Amino acid sequence: MLLLCQDFSIYDTARIWDTLLADPERFEFLNYVCLAMLNYIREKLLEGDFTDAMQTIQRFPQDVDVRLLLNVANQYVRDDPVYANYIGD
């Protein structure tokens, strides 16, 4: 299982996995984590063509604060009325 191992350090990957495994709807939350990642590199994705965008996605920045990504993903969850059924809001 390489889930996000190639994109983050082992410490950051463990932090992400810990968050995912603590969530009863972990595979749904993973979608929001990936969305937060895409949002983080949004401007670079929009600047180039398809090939540039794919290379940017494959070379995700190593200097990102994983806590920030998880907080953004959590905000996306809270803003999604469908997911609110799972978290009890």
C-alpha atoms as a PDB file:
ATOM      1  CA  MET A   1       0.000   0.000   0.000  1.00  0.00           C
ATOM      2  CA  LEU A   2       1.639   3.208  -1.194  1.00  0.00           C
ATOM      3  CA  LEU A   3      -1.185   5.543  -0.302  1.00  0.00           C
ATOM      4  CA  LEU A   4       0.495   8.978  -0.437  1.00  0.00           C
ATOM      5  CA  CYS A   5       3.924   7.516   0.526  1.00  0.00           C
ATOM      6  CA  GLN A   6       5.535   8.891  -2.603  1.00  0.00           C
ATOM      7  CA  ASP A   7       4.210  12.394  -1.980  1.00  0.00           C
ATOM      8  CA  PHE A   8       5.162  12.923   1.669  1.00  0.00           C
ATOM      9  CA  SER A   9       7.830  12.047   4.194  1.00  0.00           C
ATOM     10  CA  ILE A  10       7.254   8.950   6.308  1.00  0.00           C
ATOM     11  CA  TYR A  11       6.329  11.153   9.284  1.00  0.00           C
ATOM     12  CA  ASP A  12       3.755  13.111   7.274  1.00  0.00           C
ATOM     13  CA  THR A  13       2.417   9.926   5.678  1.00  0.00           C
ATOM     14  CA  ALA A  14       1.951   8.398   9.130  1.00  0.00           C
ATOM     15  CA  ARG A  15       0.068  11.540  10.212  1.00  0.00           C
ATOM     16  CA  ILE A  16      -2.237  11.288   7.207  1.00  0.00           C
ATOM     17  CA  TRP A  17      -2.801   7.561   7.701  1.00  0.00           C
ATOM     18  CA  ASP A  18      -3.516   8.112  11.404  1.00  0.00           C
ATOM     19  CA  THR A  19      -6.167  10.658  10.486  1.00  0.00           C
ATOM     20  CA  LEU A  20      -7.673   8.407   7.816  1.00  0.00           C
ATOM     21  CA  LEU A  21      -7.794   5.357  10.065  1.00  0.00           C
ATOM     22  CA  ALA A  22      -9.412   7.356  12.873  1.00  0.00           C
ATOM     23  CA  ASP A  23     -12.268   8.400  10.581  1.00  0.00           C
ATOM     24  CA  PRO A  24     -15.104   5.847  10.250  1.00  0.00           C
ATOM     25  CA  GLU A  25     -15.597   7.035   6.663  1.00  0.00           C
ATOM     26  CA  ARG A  26     -11.857   7.039   5.938  1.00  0.00           C
ATOM     27  CA  PHE A  27     -12.134   6.396   2.240  1.00  0.00           C
ATOM     28  CA  GLU A  28     -14.526   9.297   1.831  1.00  0.00           C
ATOM     29  CA  PHE A  29     -12.206  11.562   3.807  1.00  0.00           C
ATOM     30  CA  LEU A  30      -9.303  10.519   1.576  1.00  0.00           C
ATOM     31  CA  ASN A  31     -11.117  12.175  -1.334  1.00  0.00           C
ATOM     32  CA  TYR A  32     -11.124  15.460   0.575  1.00  0.00           C
ATOM     33  CA  VAL A  33      -7.425  15.117   1.416  1.00  0.00           C
ATOM     34  CA  CYS A  34      -6.667  14.669  -2.280  1.00  0.00           C
ATOM     35  CA  LEU A  35      -8.887  17.639  -3.104  1.00  0.00           C
ATOM     36  CA  ALA A  36      -6.955  19.744  -0.579  1.00  0.00           C
ATOM     37  CA  MET A  37      -3.721  18.632  -2.262  1.00  0.00           C
ATOM     38  CA  LEU A  38      -5.024  19.683  -5.676  1.00  0.00           C
ATOM     39  CA  ASN A  39      -6.223  22.984  -4.289  1.00  0.00           C
ATOM     40  CA  TYR A  40      -2.745  23.584  -2.821  1.00  0.00           C
ATOM     41  CA  ILE A  41      -1.162  23.362  -6.305  1.00  0.00           C
ATOM     42  CA  ARG A  42      -4.139  24.852  -8.153  1.00  0.00           C
ATOM     43  CA  GLU A  43      -2.328  27.838  -9.648  1.00  0.00           C
ATOM     44  CA  LYS A  44       0.475  25.689 -11.054  1.00  0.00           C
ATOM     45  CA  LEU A  45      -2.091  23.290 -12.525  1.00  0.00           C
ATOM     46  CA  LEU A  46      -3.919  26.126 -14.276  1.00  0.00           C
ATOM     47  CA  GLU A  47      -0.736  27.659 -15.711  1.00  0.00           C
ATOM     48  CA  GLY A  48       0.292  24.750 -17.898  1.00  0.00           C
ATOM     49  CA  ASP A  49      -1.096  22.257 -20.327  1.00  0.00           C
ATOM     50  CA  PHE A  50      -2.163  18.688 -19.554  1.00  0.00           C
ATOM     51  CA  THR A  51       1.392  17.354 -19.518  1.00  0.00           C
ATOM     52  CA  ASP A  52       2.560  20.114 -17.176  1.00  0.00           C
ATOM     53  CA  ALA A  53      -0.408  19.477 -14.891  1.00  0.00           C
ATOM     54  CA  MET A  54       0.323  15.754 -14.697  1.00  0.00           C
ATOM     55  CA  GLN A  55       3.985  16.400 -13.895  1.00  0.00           C
ATOM     56  CA  THR A  56       2.983  18.894 -11.215  1.00  0.00           C
ATOM     57  CA  ILE A  57       0.647  16.353  -9.627  1.00  0.00           C
ATOM     58  CA  GLN A  58       3.328  13.651  -9.736  1.00  0.00           C
ATOM     59  CA  ARG A  59       5.864  15.995  -8.112  1.00  0.00           C
ATOM     60  CA  PHE A  60       3.803  17.288  -5.233  1.00  0.00           C
ATOM     61  CA  PRO A  61       5.748  19.901  -3.206  1.00  0.00           C
ATOM     62  CA  GLN A  62       7.651  18.440  -0.260  1.00  0.00           C
ATOM     63  CA  ASP A  63       7.440  21.638   1.809  1.00  0.00           C
ATOM     64  CA  VAL A  64       3.694  21.502   2.400  1.00  0.00           C
ATOM     65  CA  ASP A  65       2.400  21.510   5.966  1.00  0.00           C
ATOM     66  CA  VAL A  66       0.366  18.306   6.229  1.00  0.00           C
ATOM     67  CA  ARG A  67      -1.606  19.702   9.158  1.00  0.00           C
ATOM     68  CA  LEU A  68      -2.754  22.518   6.872  1.00  0.00           C
ATOM     69  CA  LEU A  69      -3.877  20.018   4.217  1.00  0.00           C
ATOM     70  CA  LEU A  70      -5.771  17.982   6.811  1.00  0.00           C
ATOM     71  CA  ASN A  71      -7.413  21.120   8.191  1.00  0.00           C
ATOM     72  CA  VAL A  72      -8.480  22.157   4.679  1.00  0.00           C
ATOM     73  CA  ALA A  73      -9.814  18.640   4.023  1.00  0.00           C
ATOM     74  CA  ASN A  74     -11.711  18.774   7.310  1.00  0.00           C
ATOM     75  CA  GLN A  75     -13.241  22.115   6.302  1.00  0.00           C
ATOM     76  CA  TYR A  76     -14.355  20.598   2.991  1.00  0.00           C
ATOM     77  CA  VAL A  77     -16.002  17.802   4.969  1.00  0.00           C
ATOM     78  CA  ARG A  78     -17.832  20.256   7.190  1.00  0.00           C
ATOM     79  CA  ASP A  79     -19.038  22.192   4.131  1.00  0.00           C
ATOM     80  CA  ASP A  80     -20.385  19.054   2.436  1.00  0.00           C
ATOM     81  CA  PRO A  81     -23.980  18.345   3.507  1.00  0.00           C
ATOM     82  CA  VAL A  82     -23.774  14.720   2.361  1.00  0.00           C
ATOM     83  CA  TYR A  83     -20.745  13.984   4.542  1.00  0.00           C
ATOM     84  CA  ALA A  84     -22.423  15.701   7.534  1.00  0.00           C
ATOM     85  CA  ASN A  85     -24.583  12.583   7.919  1.00  0.00           C
ATOM     86  CA  TYR A  86     -21.437  10.610   8.763  1.00  0.00           C
ATOM     87  CA  ILE A  87     -19.972  13.071  11.258  1.00  0.00           C
ATOM     88  CA  GLY A  88     -23.197  13.813  13.070  1.00  0.00           C
ATOM     89  CA  ASP A  89     -23.547  17.526  12.283  1.00  0.00           C
END
